Every structure is written in C-alpha cells, then in structure tokens.
Amino acid sequence: MRPSKNCEDLIQVFEKLILHAYKDPGSKDGLPITIGWGNTMYTDGSKIKITDIITKERADELFGWELNNKAVVIDGHKLNLNQNQFDAICSFVYNVGLSAFLKSHLYKMIKMNPNDLAISEEFKKWKFNDGKIMKGLIRRRSMESTLYSKPI
C-alpha cells in the first residue's frame, strides 16, 4: 500500500512547513532538531543541524522520502488494513516513529484484529510529550482515530 493524499494532508496539518531548523517545541530538551515538514534527518541519514536552511522543494522531497520509508515498513508487516486505516497509521508513525509504534499496544491490537473498535480509543492515549499532555497531540490523535475508523 501507499499513503494517499488524505494521509499527506493530515500529516501536513500538524507538521507545519518550516524551512529553517528548529528544536522540537514539545520536548524538554528541544530534541530532535527538525526541519521542513517535521523531518529529523536527510535522505543520506545525516541529522538536521540547528543552522540548516532548506527550500520548499527540498522540504517536499524529504517529506515524501520519509513518509514512503515508513509506509514501506508498515506495509511489510501485513496488517490487512484498508486505505483509511493505513493512512491513519502512517500519520501516527510519522509522528511517533516506527520503533515506538512497533513496541506499542496499538500495534499489537491492530495485528490481532485491525477492525477492533477499541483501536480508536488506543490512538487517543498517545497525547503526551515528555510527560505533558499536548493539545496538538490530542487533536492529531482524534483525527487519526477518526480516519482509522472511517469506512471506505
């Protein structure tokens, strides 16, 4: 599967386009350093440096590269998702990372039964950053949950 335009749009609602590097505003230490559409590394694997500046074209390239990489791994786990479910998971993983997702109860629930109605509520538990509830994460998880549960 591939992320749809709905997935890209959902991510870009929350990952604002910023063409200069900045510290993560939600974390106590400001890490990771981010640029573009919430990217923390370049296509060669190098990390963003606080002095970096990119163009919108480069930001769009990094966004597509990172989203595709995450989508390939998610798809490789054979979770039997429909397009809306896949898009919601891609948005979630774009935000929390593959490692956190693959260790999560959310992942285990999806593996057992991707149509379990309790999955919608499981998304909403992921509203913390460095132990603090973040309003933006509450909104994001709500939108991901809604998309995940939306019939095709």
Protein backbone atom coordinates (compact mmCIF):
# COMPACT_ATOMS: atom_id res chain seq x y z
CA MET A 1 0.00 0.00 0.00
CA ARG A 2 0.92 3.63 -0.48
CA PRO A 3 -0.14 6.64 1.59
CA SER A 4 -2.94 8.58 -0.09
CA LYS A 5 -3.29 12.33 -0.49
CA ASN A 6 -5.56 12.22 2.61
CA CYS A 7 -2.61 10.90 4.61
CA GLU A 8 -0.25 13.58 3.32
CA ASP A 9 -2.80 16.31 4.05
CA LEU A 10 -3.42 15.01 7.58
CA ILE A 11 0.28 14.97 8.39
CA GLN A 12 0.80 18.44 6.96
CA VAL A 13 -1.98 19.87 9.13
CA PHE A 14 0.21 19.14 12.14
CA GLU A 15 3.73 19.23 10.73
CA LYS A 16 3.91 22.84 9.66
CA LEU A 17 6.33 23.74 6.88
CA ILE A 18 9.36 25.46 8.42
CA LEU A 19 12.37 25.95 6.16
CA HIS A 20 14.95 26.54 8.89
CA ALA A 21 15.99 24.04 11.54
CA TYR A 22 14.27 24.33 14.91
CA LYS A 23 14.14 22.49 18.22
CA ASP A 24 11.11 20.34 18.98
CA PRO A 25 8.86 22.76 20.89
CA GLY A 26 7.14 19.97 22.80
CA SER A 27 10.17 18.29 24.32
CA LYS A 28 12.01 19.49 27.41
CA ASP A 29 15.44 19.26 25.75
CA GLY A 30 14.28 20.52 22.33
CA LEU A 31 15.36 17.35 20.59
CA PRO A 32 15.17 16.23 17.91
CA ILE A 33 16.22 19.11 15.68
CA THR A 34 13.62 19.33 12.92
CA ILE A 35 13.19 20.99 9.52
CA GLY A 36 10.68 21.10 6.67
CA TRP A 37 7.58 19.02 7.36
CA GLY A 38 8.86 17.69 10.69
CA ASN A 39 11.88 15.86 9.28
CA THR A 40 14.71 14.91 11.63
CA MET A 41 17.16 13.61 9.03
CA TYR A 42 18.19 13.91 5.41
CA THR A 43 17.91 11.21 2.74
CA ASP A 44 21.55 10.23 3.34
CA GLY A 45 20.77 9.53 7.02
CA SER A 46 22.54 12.60 8.38
CA LYS A 47 20.81 14.52 11.17
CA ILE A 48 19.45 18.03 10.85
CA LYS A 49 21.75 20.69 12.30
CA ILE A 50 20.34 23.78 14.02
CA THR A 51 21.92 26.07 11.41
CA ASP A 52 20.35 24.28 8.40
CA ILE A 53 18.05 26.04 5.94
CA ILE A 54 16.28 24.33 3.02
CA THR A 55 13.93 25.22 0.17
CA LYS A 56 10.27 24.23 -0.04
CA GLU A 57 11.21 21.81 -2.83
CA ARG A 58 13.76 20.11 -0.57
CA ALA A 59 11.21 20.02 2.28
CA ASP A 60 8.67 18.33 -0.01
CA GLU A 61 11.34 15.84 -1.14
CA LEU A 62 12.25 14.98 2.46
CA PHE A 63 8.59 14.64 3.38
CA GLY A 64 7.90 12.21 0.53
CA TRP A 65 11.07 10.23 1.26
CA GLU A 66 10.34 9.85 4.97
CA LEU A 67 6.65 9.05 4.51
CA ASN A 68 7.47 6.46 1.85
CA ASN A 69 10.11 4.80 4.05
CA LYS A 70 7.67 4.49 6.93
CA ALA A 71 4.88 3.26 4.64
CA VAL A 72 7.07 0.50 3.18
CA VAL A 73 7.86 -0.83 6.66
CA ILE A 74 4.23 -0.60 7.80
CA ASP A 75 3.04 -2.36 4.65
CA GLY A 76 5.68 -5.05 5.16
CA HIS A 77 4.05 -6.03 8.46
CA LYS A 78 0.98 -7.34 6.57
CA LEU A 79 -1.58 -5.78 8.90
CA ASN A 80 -4.52 -6.22 6.49
CA LEU A 81 -5.51 -2.56 6.64
CA ASN A 82 -7.87 -0.69 4.37
CA GLN A 83 -6.66 2.62 2.88
CA ASN A 84 -8.06 4.82 5.66
CA GLN A 85 -6.55 2.59 8.35
CA PHE A 86 -3.19 2.56 6.55
CA ASP A 87 -3.22 6.35 6.17
CA ALA A 88 -4.02 6.86 9.86
CA ILE A 89 -1.18 4.55 10.90
CA CYS A 90 1.24 6.27 8.52
CA SER A 91 0.38 9.64 10.10
CA PHE A 92 0.77 8.17 13.58
CA VAL A 93 4.15 6.62 12.73
CA TYR A 94 5.34 9.81 11.02
CA ASN A 95 4.85 11.50 14.39
CA VAL A 96 5.94 8.89 16.96
CA GLY A 97 8.38 6.85 14.88
CA LEU A 98 8.45 3.23 13.74
CA SER A 99 10.21 1.90 16.82
CA ALA A 100 7.62 3.31 19.23
CA PHE A 101 4.76 2.05 17.06
CA LEU A 102 6.15 -1.48 16.72
CA LYS A 103 6.55 -1.72 20.51
CA SER A 104 3.09 -0.31 21.22
CA HIS A 105 -0.14 -1.87 22.41
CA LEU A 106 -1.78 -0.14 19.42
CA TYR A 107 0.36 -2.23 17.05
CA LYS A 108 -0.48 -5.43 18.94
CA MET A 109 -4.19 -4.65 18.76
CA ILE A 110 -4.02 -3.98 15.03
CA LYS A 111 -2.08 -7.20 14.42
CA MET A 112 -4.73 -9.19 16.31
CA ASN A 113 -7.74 -7.55 14.66
CA PRO A 114 -7.40 -4.35 12.60
CA ASN A 115 -11.17 -3.80 12.86
CA ASP A 116 -11.33 -3.90 16.67
CA LEU A 117 -13.42 -0.89 17.69
CA ALA A 118 -11.18 -0.30 20.73
CA ILE A 119 -8.32 0.75 18.43
CA SER A 120 -9.89 4.20 18.07
CA GLU A 121 -9.50 4.80 21.78
CA GLU A 122 -5.95 3.41 21.82
CA PHE A 123 -4.83 6.19 19.45
CA LYS A 124 -6.01 8.78 21.93
CA LYS A 125 -3.67 7.54 24.66
CA TRP A 126 -0.72 8.93 22.67
CA LYS A 127 -1.19 12.55 23.76
CA PHE A 128 1.95 13.03 25.85
CA ASN A 129 5.33 14.53 25.05
CA ASP A 130 7.92 14.37 27.82
CA GLY A 131 5.15 13.54 30.29
CA LYS A 132 2.98 16.54 29.39
CA ILE A 133 -0.38 16.38 27.64
CA MET A 134 -0.16 18.33 24.39
CA LYS A 135 -3.28 19.90 22.86
CA GLY A 136 -1.87 19.39 19.37
CA LEU A 137 -1.39 15.68 20.03
CA ILE A 138 -4.95 15.38 21.33
CA ARG A 139 -6.22 16.92 18.07
CA ARG A 140 -3.90 14.84 15.92
CA ARG A 141 -4.82 11.54 17.61
CA SER A 142 -8.50 12.41 17.32
CA MET A 143 -8.14 13.00 13.57
CA GLU A 144 -6.07 9.82 13.12
CA SER A 145 -8.61 7.83 15.13
CA THR A 146 -11.49 9.21 13.08
CA LEU A 147 -9.72 8.41 9.81
CA TYR A 148 -8.81 4.91 11.01
CA SER A 149 -12.47 4.17 11.83
CA LYS A 150 -13.92 5.80 8.71
CA PRO A 151 -15.48 3.26 6.34
CA ILE A 152 -14.14 3.06 2.81
